[in-house]
Every structure is written in structure tokens, then in C-alpha cells.
Amino acid sequence: MMNTSFSRRGFLSLLGAGTASLAGCASTGPAPSGSVITYRDGVSFRSPDAMADGPSDLEQMYGTVVDNGFVVPAIPYQQINPRYYRQRVVDPTGERPGTIVVDTPSRFLYLVEPGGSAMRYGVGIGREGFSWSGEGVIQWRQKWPKWTPPDEMVARQPELVKYSAKNGGMPPGLTNPLGARALYIFQNGQDTLYRLHGSPEWNSIGKAVSSGCVRLMNQDIIDLYERVPEKARVLVWQ
């Protein structure tokens, strides 16, 4: 993280794209010419390569998905801030390819790619008091996972006792809080109990609502799952 400021400015000078801005800036919608990228230090510019070039691409990206016997409903992407659409951007992190970076304040998750690009996804994050930051590794990955709330959560929300570990957890499904995929974050060989996971609550993307985990739209976590290398390094920035 100590080299990110240099890397960001390096990208800007190499690309010769955009101008410095101290104001926050967000894309007003995907466009063929690219998307506006805003770094954590306030610098903004327009990326040359956005994934979605119009409504037809977005309908395909966020349309109905049949996956492992489950029918994942289409997402009404028109009701989501366009800055949170999945897209390929110039990498703002300076991390090595294969690294996942969660920029908590910006509500973005980046998967760093070779060649200076990154796949960027909009995320929902843990509400204040339940967020997590640091470095870990994706030790385990699962399609359509079972959800087992930790004992601390069950103590706070007794109605979840039916899904406790002793009761076998909540079966996979469209209403399961972990959604279509889960990537489990470990640190020093121990389960942190934090996950990168899908969610049926598409309207929570860009907000701080979960109990610490990082959530993506189901269509996005399916895409991320296929791209993430084994034992990927994870950085979560606060």
C-alpha cells in the first residue's frame, strides 16, 4: 500500500489521460469511450476500456443466470448507480496480478490483472463496528455455499439459532445470505470468518449494511469466482 500513490500517478503520466481533481467523480453511465476512475487520493481520469458499452451489454451482464440448478433472477441494473457496474479499468492499486483489493471507502473490489488493468466490481461492506481490514488469502472457495452464522451473531440475533452450526446451517439457495459463491478469507492459517460472497440483495451494493463480509451481486461474484486464482492474496483497505 505504501507504493500506491506513486503507482497511481505513474499510470496517469504514462497514459496521459484525464486531469487531477480534488472533487469526487463518478461515471454517469457506461460509455464506449471508457469510464471515469477516481483514486483514493482524489485524482480522476477516464479509462480507455469499460466492460459495458450500452444497455444490451448490461442486460447480458446482469440478466437471468441458470447456475448449478438455480435460476438467479435478473438484476434491475437501471436502479443501481452506474459506478458500481462491473468493468475493466486501469489498475489503481499497484499490486501484483492475481491480488484482490477491497477499497472499502470507495465500495470497490479490484482483481488485479496482468498488463496494468483490473476488473472492478461494486460491493457492499460491513456496517460500522463490524468491518475488517488487513491482509489475508483466499483459502477456500465454494459454489452455492451453506451459511452458518457465527455464535456471536446468533447471540445478537436469536432468531438465527435455527441456522447455527449445531443445527446444520442454512442450505444453499436464492435466499441464502452468501448467494451463489463464497470466497473465504484466512489470515495466518486461521479463518477470519469474513467472506467475499454473493447476495440476493442487489440494492445493498455501495452501502455499509452487512456484518463485516464483502458482498457482491450474484452475477458479479460468479464472474469473480471464475477469475480468481487459487490462494489469491487479499487486501482490505479502510
C-alpha atoms as a PDB file:
ATOM      1  CA  MET A   1       0.000   0.000   0.000  1.00  0.00           C
ATOM      2  CA  MET A   2       2.932   2.403   0.545  1.00  0.00           C
ATOM      3  CA  ASN A   3       3.628   2.456  -3.225  1.00  0.00           C
ATOM      4  CA  THR A   4       0.065   3.048  -4.372  1.00  0.00           C
ATOM      5  CA  SER A   5       0.338   6.833  -4.626  1.00  0.00           C
ATOM      6  CA  PHE A   6       3.399   6.554  -6.869  1.00  0.00           C
ATOM      7  CA  SER A   7       1.753   3.845  -8.957  1.00  0.00           C
ATOM      8  CA  ARG A   8      -1.396   5.861  -9.481  1.00  0.00           C
ATOM      9  CA  ARG A   9       0.458   8.930 -10.655  1.00  0.00           C
ATOM     10  CA  GLY A  10       2.648   6.680 -12.781  1.00  0.00           C
ATOM     11  CA  PHE A  11      -0.403   5.355 -14.578  1.00  0.00           C
ATOM     12  CA  LEU A  12      -1.670   8.874 -15.148  1.00  0.00           C
ATOM     13  CA  SER A  13       1.600  10.122 -16.601  1.00  0.00           C
ATOM     14  CA  LEU A  14       2.075   7.055 -18.785  1.00  0.00           C
ATOM     15  CA  LEU A  15      -1.423   7.197 -20.170  1.00  0.00           C
ATOM     16  CA  GLY A  16      -1.631  10.952 -20.413  1.00  0.00           C
ATOM     17  CA  ALA A  17      -5.293  10.629 -19.601  1.00  0.00           C
ATOM     18  CA  GLY A  18      -7.504  12.863 -17.543  1.00  0.00           C
ATOM     19  CA  THR A  19      -6.761  15.742 -15.220  1.00  0.00           C
ATOM     20  CA  ALA A  20      -6.239  15.972 -11.495  1.00  0.00           C
ATOM     21  CA  SER A  21      -9.325  16.747  -9.464  1.00  0.00           C
ATOM     22  CA  LEU A  22      -9.870  17.133  -5.748  1.00  0.00           C
ATOM     23  CA  ALA A  23     -13.610  16.574  -6.097  1.00  0.00           C
ATOM     24  CA  GLY A  24     -15.201  13.155  -6.120  1.00  0.00           C
ATOM     25  CA  CYS A  25     -16.164  11.992  -9.594  1.00  0.00           C
ATOM     26  CA  ALA A  26     -18.374   9.115 -10.727  1.00  0.00           C
ATOM     27  CA  SER A  27     -19.410   7.867 -14.127  1.00  0.00           C
ATOM     28  CA  THR A  28     -22.871   8.954 -15.201  1.00  0.00           C
ATOM     29  CA  GLY A  29     -23.195   5.725 -17.154  1.00  0.00           C
ATOM     30  CA  PRO A  30     -21.103   3.279 -19.150  1.00  0.00           C
ATOM     31  CA  ALA A  31     -19.920   4.714 -22.457  1.00  0.00           C
ATOM     32  CA  PRO A  32     -17.868   3.418 -25.386  1.00  0.00           C
ATOM     33  CA  SER A  33     -15.040   5.828 -24.579  1.00  0.00           C
ATOM     34  CA  GLY A  34     -14.472   4.364 -21.128  1.00  0.00           C
ATOM     35  CA  SER A  35     -15.332   5.073 -17.507  1.00  0.00           C
ATOM     36  CA  VAL A  36     -14.241   7.681 -15.007  1.00  0.00           C
ATOM     37  CA  ILE A  37     -11.799   6.340 -12.422  1.00  0.00           C
ATOM     38  CA  THR A  38     -11.316   8.167  -9.119  1.00  0.00           C
ATOM     39  CA  TYR A  39      -8.411   7.186  -6.916  1.00  0.00           C
ATOM     40  CA  ARG A  40      -8.362   7.334  -3.137  1.00  0.00           C
ATOM     41  CA  ASP A  41      -6.168  10.467  -3.273  1.00  0.00           C
ATOM     42  CA  GLY A  42      -8.740  12.332  -5.387  1.00  0.00           C
ATOM     43  CA  VAL A  43      -7.110  12.013  -8.815  1.00  0.00           C
ATOM     44  CA  SER A  44      -9.594  11.256 -11.607  1.00  0.00           C
ATOM     45  CA  PHE A  45      -9.341  10.268 -15.269  1.00  0.00           C
ATOM     46  CA  ARG A  46     -11.213   8.390 -17.944  1.00  0.00           C
ATOM     47  CA  SER A  47     -10.237   4.760 -18.509  1.00  0.00           C
ATOM     48  CA  PRO A  48      -9.888   3.551 -22.118  1.00  0.00           C
ATOM     49  CA  ASP A  49     -11.635   0.232 -21.592  1.00  0.00           C
ATOM     50  CA  ALA A  50     -15.009  -0.245 -19.925  1.00  0.00           C
ATOM     51  CA  MET A  51     -16.661  -3.641 -19.974  1.00  0.00           C
ATOM     52  CA  ALA A  52     -20.174  -2.487 -20.751  1.00  0.00           C
ATOM     53  CA  ASP A  53     -20.794  -0.280 -23.791  1.00  0.00           C
ATOM     54  CA  GLY A  54     -24.552   0.078 -23.560  1.00  0.00           C
ATOM     55  CA  PRO A  55     -27.845  -1.355 -22.331  1.00  0.00           C
ATOM     56  CA  SER A  56     -27.548  -4.575 -24.365  1.00  0.00           C
ATOM     57  CA  ASP A  57     -24.226  -5.415 -22.701  1.00  0.00           C
ATOM     58  CA  LEU A  58     -25.623  -4.624 -19.283  1.00  0.00           C
ATOM     59  CA  GLU A  59     -28.676  -6.779 -19.909  1.00  0.00           C
ATOM     60  CA  GLN A  60     -26.380  -9.665 -20.761  1.00  0.00           C
ATOM     61  CA  MET A  61     -24.077  -8.978 -17.819  1.00  0.00           C
ATOM     62  CA  TYR A  62     -26.872  -8.710 -15.271  1.00  0.00           C
ATOM     63  CA  GLY A  63     -29.532 -10.853 -16.896  1.00  0.00           C
ATOM     64  CA  THR A  64     -31.050 -14.103 -15.614  1.00  0.00           C
ATOM     65  CA  VAL A  65     -28.465 -16.819 -14.967  1.00  0.00           C
ATOM     66  CA  VAL A  66     -29.100 -20.560 -14.718  1.00  0.00           C
ATOM     67  CA  ASP A  67     -26.355 -21.903 -12.481  1.00  0.00           C
ATOM     68  CA  ASN A  68     -25.972 -25.303 -10.829  1.00  0.00           C
ATOM     69  CA  GLY A  69     -29.725 -25.874 -10.888  1.00  0.00           C
ATOM     70  CA  PHE A  70     -30.598 -22.419  -9.524  1.00  0.00           C
ATOM     71  CA  VAL A  71     -32.191 -19.645 -11.581  1.00  0.00           C
ATOM     72  CA  VAL A  72     -30.601 -16.363 -10.497  1.00  0.00           C
ATOM     73  CA  PRO A  73     -33.012 -13.502 -11.259  1.00  0.00           C
ATOM     74  CA  ALA A  74     -32.003 -10.630 -13.499  1.00  0.00           C
ATOM     75  CA  ILE A  75     -30.816  -7.507 -11.684  1.00  0.00           C
ATOM     76  CA  PRO A  76     -32.596  -4.205 -12.413  1.00  0.00           C
ATOM     77  CA  TYR A  77     -29.299  -2.515 -13.157  1.00  0.00           C
ATOM     78  CA  GLN A  78     -31.061   0.737 -14.044  1.00  0.00           C
ATOM     79  CA  GLN A  79     -31.714   1.168 -10.314  1.00  0.00           C
ATOM     80  CA  ILE A  80     -28.024   0.847  -9.404  1.00  0.00           C
ATOM     81  CA  ASN A  81     -25.503   3.679  -9.513  1.00  0.00           C
ATOM     82  CA  PRO A  82     -23.540   3.052 -12.760  1.00  0.00           C
ATOM     83  CA  ARG A  83     -20.229   3.460 -10.933  1.00  0.00           C
ATOM     84  CA  TYR A  84     -20.848   0.028  -9.381  1.00  0.00           C
ATOM     85  CA  TYR A  85     -21.273  -1.829 -12.676  1.00  0.00           C
ATOM     86  CA  ARG A  86     -18.645  -4.476 -13.332  1.00  0.00           C
ATOM     87  CA  GLN A  87     -15.955  -3.097 -15.633  1.00  0.00           C
ATOM     88  CA  ARG A  88     -12.316  -3.349 -16.614  1.00  0.00           C
ATOM     89  CA  VAL A  89     -10.283  -0.325 -15.551  1.00  0.00           C
ATOM     90  CA  VAL A  90      -6.705   0.838 -15.296  1.00  0.00           C
ATOM     91  CA  ASP A  91      -5.339  -0.736 -12.098  1.00  0.00           C
ATOM     92  CA  PRO A  92      -5.213   1.883  -9.305  1.00  0.00           C
ATOM     93  CA  THR A  93      -3.671  -0.419  -6.684  1.00  0.00           C
ATOM     94  CA  GLY A  94      -0.096  -1.105  -7.805  1.00  0.00           C
ATOM     95  CA  GLU A  95      -0.442  -4.697  -6.535  1.00  0.00           C
ATOM     96  CA  ARG A  96       0.750  -7.775  -8.386  1.00  0.00           C
ATOM     97  CA  PRO A  97      -1.611  -9.611 -10.763  1.00  0.00           C
ATOM     98  CA  GLY A  98      -3.975 -12.048  -9.068  1.00  0.00           C
ATOM     99  CA  THR A  99      -4.346  -9.880  -5.960  1.00  0.00           C
ATOM    100  CA  ILE A 100      -7.801  -8.884  -4.732  1.00  0.00           C
ATOM    101  CA  VAL A 101      -8.036  -5.396  -3.253  1.00  0.00           C
ATOM    102  CA  VAL A 102     -11.172  -4.207  -1.476  1.00  0.00           C
ATOM    103  CA  ASP A 103     -11.276  -0.407  -1.317  1.00  0.00           C
ATOM    104  CA  THR A 104     -13.791  -0.099   1.491  1.00  0.00           C
ATOM    105  CA  PRO A 105     -14.357   3.694   1.413  1.00  0.00           C
ATOM    106  CA  SER A 106     -14.967   3.645  -2.352  1.00  0.00           C
ATOM    107  CA  ARG A 107     -17.090   0.450  -2.226  1.00  0.00           C
ATOM    108  CA  PHE A 108     -14.984  -1.193  -4.935  1.00  0.00           C
ATOM    109  CA  LEU A 109     -13.305  -4.585  -5.246  1.00  0.00           C
ATOM    110  CA  TYR A 110     -10.429  -4.894  -7.710  1.00  0.00           C
ATOM    111  CA  LEU A 111      -8.961  -8.078  -9.147  1.00  0.00           C
ATOM    112  CA  VAL A 112      -5.558  -7.046 -10.484  1.00  0.00           C
ATOM    113  CA  GLU A 113      -4.761  -8.348 -13.981  1.00  0.00           C
ATOM    114  CA  PRO A 114      -1.502  -8.546 -15.955  1.00  0.00           C
ATOM    115  CA  GLY A 115      -0.688  -5.566 -18.133  1.00  0.00           C
ATOM    116  CA  GLY A 116      -1.857  -2.785 -15.837  1.00  0.00           C
ATOM    117  CA  SER A 117      -5.607  -3.431 -15.811  1.00  0.00           C
ATOM    118  CA  ALA A 118      -8.021  -4.650 -13.148  1.00  0.00           C
ATOM    119  CA  MET A 119     -11.572  -5.947 -13.033  1.00  0.00           C
ATOM    120  CA  ARG A 120     -13.584  -3.676 -10.789  1.00  0.00           C
ATOM    121  CA  TYR A 121     -16.798  -4.677  -9.010  1.00  0.00           C
ATOM    122  CA  GLY A 122     -19.154  -2.676  -6.821  1.00  0.00           C
ATOM    123  CA  VAL A 123     -19.529  -4.094  -3.309  1.00  0.00           C
ATOM    124  CA  GLY A 124     -21.470  -3.710  -0.105  1.00  0.00           C
ATOM    125  CA  ILE A 125     -19.380  -3.715   3.057  1.00  0.00           C
ATOM    126  CA  GLY A 126     -19.712  -4.230   6.792  1.00  0.00           C
ATOM    127  CA  ARG A 127     -21.539  -1.570   8.756  1.00  0.00           C
ATOM    128  CA  GLU A 128     -19.537   0.432  11.267  1.00  0.00           C
ATOM    129  CA  GLY A 129     -18.288  -1.747  14.091  1.00  0.00           C
ATOM    130  CA  PHE A 130     -18.293  -4.952  12.057  1.00  0.00           C
ATOM    131  CA  SER A 131     -15.824  -4.128   9.280  1.00  0.00           C
ATOM    132  CA  TRP A 132     -12.484  -5.871   8.857  1.00  0.00           C
ATOM    133  CA  SER A 133      -9.239  -4.752   7.263  1.00  0.00           C
ATOM    134  CA  GLY A 134      -5.839  -6.248   6.667  1.00  0.00           C
ATOM    135  CA  GLU A 135      -4.191  -8.888   4.506  1.00  0.00           C
ATOM    136  CA  GLY A 136      -5.226 -12.479   4.014  1.00  0.00           C
ATOM    137  CA  VAL A 137      -5.562 -15.252   1.474  1.00  0.00           C
ATOM    138  CA  ILE A 138      -8.484 -16.953  -0.229  1.00  0.00           C
ATOM    139  CA  GLN A 139      -8.002 -20.334   1.401  1.00  0.00           C
ATOM    140  CA  TRP A 140     -11.309 -21.877   0.360  1.00  0.00           C
ATOM    141  CA  ARG A 141     -13.860 -21.306  -2.392  1.00  0.00           C
ATOM    142  CA  GLN A 142     -17.362 -22.692  -2.692  1.00  0.00           C
ATOM    143  CA  LYS A 143     -20.237 -22.620  -5.152  1.00  0.00           C
ATOM    144  CA  TRP A 144     -23.686 -22.178  -3.607  1.00  0.00           C
ATOM    145  CA  PRO A 145     -22.374 -22.377  -0.049  1.00  0.00           C
ATOM    146  CA  LYS A 146     -24.202 -23.251   3.111  1.00  0.00           C
ATOM    147  CA  TRP A 147     -24.460 -20.322   5.523  1.00  0.00           C
ATOM    148  CA  THR A 148     -23.599 -20.838   9.178  1.00  0.00           C
ATOM    149  CA  PRO A 149     -23.786 -17.635  11.231  1.00  0.00           C
ATOM    150  CA  PRO A 150     -21.082 -17.424  13.918  1.00  0.00           C
ATOM    151  CA  ASP A 151     -22.119 -17.877  17.524  1.00  0.00           C
ATOM    152  CA  GLU A 152     -21.590 -14.150  18.197  1.00  0.00           C
ATOM    153  CA  MET A 153     -24.153 -13.288  15.532  1.00  0.00           C
ATOM    154  CA  VAL A 154     -26.622 -15.837  16.838  1.00  0.00           C
ATOM    155  CA  ALA A 155     -26.233 -14.310  20.307  1.00  0.00           C
ATOM    156  CA  ARG A 156     -27.135 -10.891  18.879  1.00  0.00           C
ATOM    157  CA  GLN A 157     -29.935 -12.260  16.704  1.00  0.00           C
ATOM    158  CA  PRO A 158     -31.546 -15.264  18.458  1.00  0.00           C
ATOM    159  CA  GLU A 159     -33.883 -15.822  15.506  1.00  0.00           C
ATOM    160  CA  LEU A 160     -30.859 -17.200  13.633  1.00  0.00           C
ATOM    161  CA  VAL A 161     -30.404 -20.122  16.036  1.00  0.00           C
ATOM    162  CA  LYS A 162     -32.113 -22.437  13.536  1.00  0.00           C
ATOM    163  CA  TYR A 163     -29.159 -21.831  11.213  1.00  0.00           C
ATOM    164  CA  SER A 164     -26.466 -22.284  13.866  1.00  0.00           C
ATOM    165  CA  ALA A 165     -23.616 -24.750  13.444  1.00  0.00           C
ATOM    166  CA  LYS A 166     -25.273 -27.268  15.738  1.00  0.00           C
ATOM    167  CA  ASN A 167     -28.432 -27.089  13.624  1.00  0.00           C
ATOM    168  CA  GLY A 168     -26.588 -27.615  10.345  1.00  0.00           C
ATOM    169  CA  GLY A 169     -26.626 -24.083   8.928  1.00  0.00           C
ATOM    170  CA  MET A 170     -28.802 -22.652   6.169  1.00  0.00           C
ATOM    171  CA  PRO A 171     -28.925 -24.719   2.958  1.00  0.00           C
ATOM    172  CA  PRO A 172     -27.769 -23.175  -0.333  1.00  0.00           C
ATOM    173  CA  GLY A 173     -30.390 -21.258  -2.276  1.00  0.00           C
ATOM    174  CA  LEU A 174     -31.567 -17.968  -3.703  1.00  0.00           C
ATOM    175  CA  THR A 175     -32.341 -16.529  -0.257  1.00  0.00           C
ATOM    176  CA  ASN A 176     -29.094 -17.699   1.344  1.00  0.00           C
ATOM    177  CA  PRO A 177     -27.112 -14.616   2.506  1.00  0.00           C
ATOM    178  CA  LEU A 178     -23.909 -15.951   0.907  1.00  0.00           C
ATOM    179  CA  GLY A 179     -25.512 -16.097  -2.505  1.00  0.00           C
ATOM    180  CA  ALA A 180     -24.111 -18.025  -5.459  1.00  0.00           C
ATOM    181  CA  ARG A 181     -20.449 -18.137  -4.423  1.00  0.00           C
ATOM    182  CA  ALA A 182     -18.263 -17.556  -1.383  1.00  0.00           C
ATOM    183  CA  LEU A 183     -14.527 -16.917  -1.114  1.00  0.00           C
ATOM    184  CA  TYR A 184     -13.268 -17.488   2.430  1.00  0.00           C
ATOM    185  CA  ILE A 185     -10.563 -15.179   3.823  1.00  0.00           C
ATOM    186  CA  PHE A 186      -7.921 -16.746   6.068  1.00  0.00           C
ATOM    187  CA  GLN A 187      -5.121 -14.957   7.909  1.00  0.00           C
ATOM    188  CA  ASN A 188      -2.058 -16.764   9.263  1.00  0.00           C
ATOM    189  CA  GLY A 189      -3.797 -20.077   8.595  1.00  0.00           C
ATOM    190  CA  GLN A 190      -6.905 -19.159  10.597  1.00  0.00           C
ATOM    191  CA  ASP A 191     -10.411 -18.480   9.300  1.00  0.00           C
ATOM    192  CA  THR A 192     -11.193 -14.786   9.780  1.00  0.00           C
ATOM    193  CA  LEU A 193     -14.936 -15.548   9.424  1.00  0.00           C
ATOM    194  CA  TYR A 194     -15.041 -12.882   6.701  1.00  0.00           C
ATOM    195  CA  ARG A 195     -16.065 -13.742   3.160  1.00  0.00           C
ATOM    196  CA  LEU A 196     -16.314 -12.289  -0.298  1.00  0.00           C
ATOM    197  CA  HIS A 197     -19.713 -13.542  -1.342  1.00  0.00           C
ATOM    198  CA  GLY A 198     -22.772 -13.088  -3.494  1.00  0.00           C
ATOM    199  CA  SER A 199     -26.004 -11.595  -2.275  1.00  0.00           C
ATOM    200  CA  PRO A 200     -29.612 -11.565  -3.451  1.00  0.00           C
ATOM    201  CA  GLU A 201     -29.842  -8.006  -2.078  1.00  0.00           C
ATOM    202  CA  TRP A 202     -28.542  -6.156  -5.153  1.00  0.00           C
ATOM    203  CA  ASN A 203     -29.777  -2.856  -3.693  1.00  0.00           C
ATOM    204  CA  SER A 204     -27.222  -3.127  -0.866  1.00  0.00           C
ATOM    205  CA  ILE A 205     -24.275  -2.638  -3.243  1.00  0.00           C
ATOM    206  CA  GLY A 206     -22.462   0.593  -2.453  1.00  0.00           C
ATOM    207  CA  LYS A 207     -23.742   0.617   1.137  1.00  0.00           C
ATOM    208  CA  ALA A 208     -22.470  -0.421   4.568  1.00  0.00           C
ATOM    209  CA  VAL A 209     -25.036  -2.948   5.754  1.00  0.00           C
ATOM    210  CA  SER A 210     -23.550  -6.399   6.278  1.00  0.00           C
ATOM    211  CA  SER A 211     -21.999  -7.909   9.392  1.00  0.00           C
ATOM    212  CA  GLY A 212     -18.444  -7.487   8.186  1.00  0.00           C
ATOM    213  CA  CYS A 213     -18.379  -9.511   4.968  1.00  0.00           C
ATOM    214  CA  VAL A 214     -17.899  -8.063   1.491  1.00  0.00           C
ATOM    215  CA  ARG A 215     -20.906  -8.717  -0.736  1.00  0.00           C
ATOM    216  CA  LEU A 216     -21.276  -8.557  -4.498  1.00  0.00           C
ATOM    217  CA  MET A 217     -24.231  -9.015  -6.806  1.00  0.00           C
ATOM    218  CA  ASN A 218     -24.675 -12.700  -7.605  1.00  0.00           C
ATOM    219  CA  GLN A 219     -23.823 -12.180 -11.271  1.00  0.00           C
ATOM    220  CA  ASP A 220     -20.609 -10.421 -10.248  1.00  0.00           C
ATOM    221  CA  ILE A 221     -19.473 -12.996  -7.693  1.00  0.00           C
ATOM    222  CA  ILE A 222     -19.974 -15.734 -10.301  1.00  0.00           C
ATOM    223  CA  ASP A 223     -17.732 -13.767 -12.653  1.00  0.00           C
ATOM    224  CA  LEU A 224     -15.130 -13.063  -9.955  1.00  0.00           C
ATOM    225  CA  TYR A 225     -15.092 -16.695  -8.824  1.00  0.00           C
ATOM    226  CA  GLU A 226     -14.030 -17.823 -12.304  1.00  0.00           C
ATOM    227  CA  ARG A 227     -11.214 -15.254 -12.495  1.00  0.00           C
ATOM    228  CA  VAL A 228      -9.632 -15.518  -9.051  1.00  0.00           C
ATOM    229  CA  PRO A 229      -6.504 -17.709  -8.889  1.00  0.00           C
ATOM    230  CA  GLU A 230      -6.079 -20.341  -6.189  1.00  0.00           C
ATOM    231  CA  LYS A 231      -4.846 -18.997  -2.844  1.00  0.00           C
ATOM    232  CA  ALA A 232      -5.228 -15.412  -4.033  1.00  0.00           C
ATOM    233  CA  ARG A 233      -3.855 -12.675  -1.822  1.00  0.00           C
ATOM    234  CA  VAL A 234      -6.482 -10.305  -0.400  1.00  0.00           C
ATOM    235  CA  LEU A 235      -6.029  -6.755   0.842  1.00  0.00           C
ATOM    236  CA  VAL A 236      -8.868  -4.904   2.529  1.00  0.00           C
ATOM    237  CA  TRP A 237      -8.355  -1.148   2.802  1.00  0.00           C
ATOM    238  CA  GLN A 238     -10.177   1.081   5.263  1.00  0.00           C
END
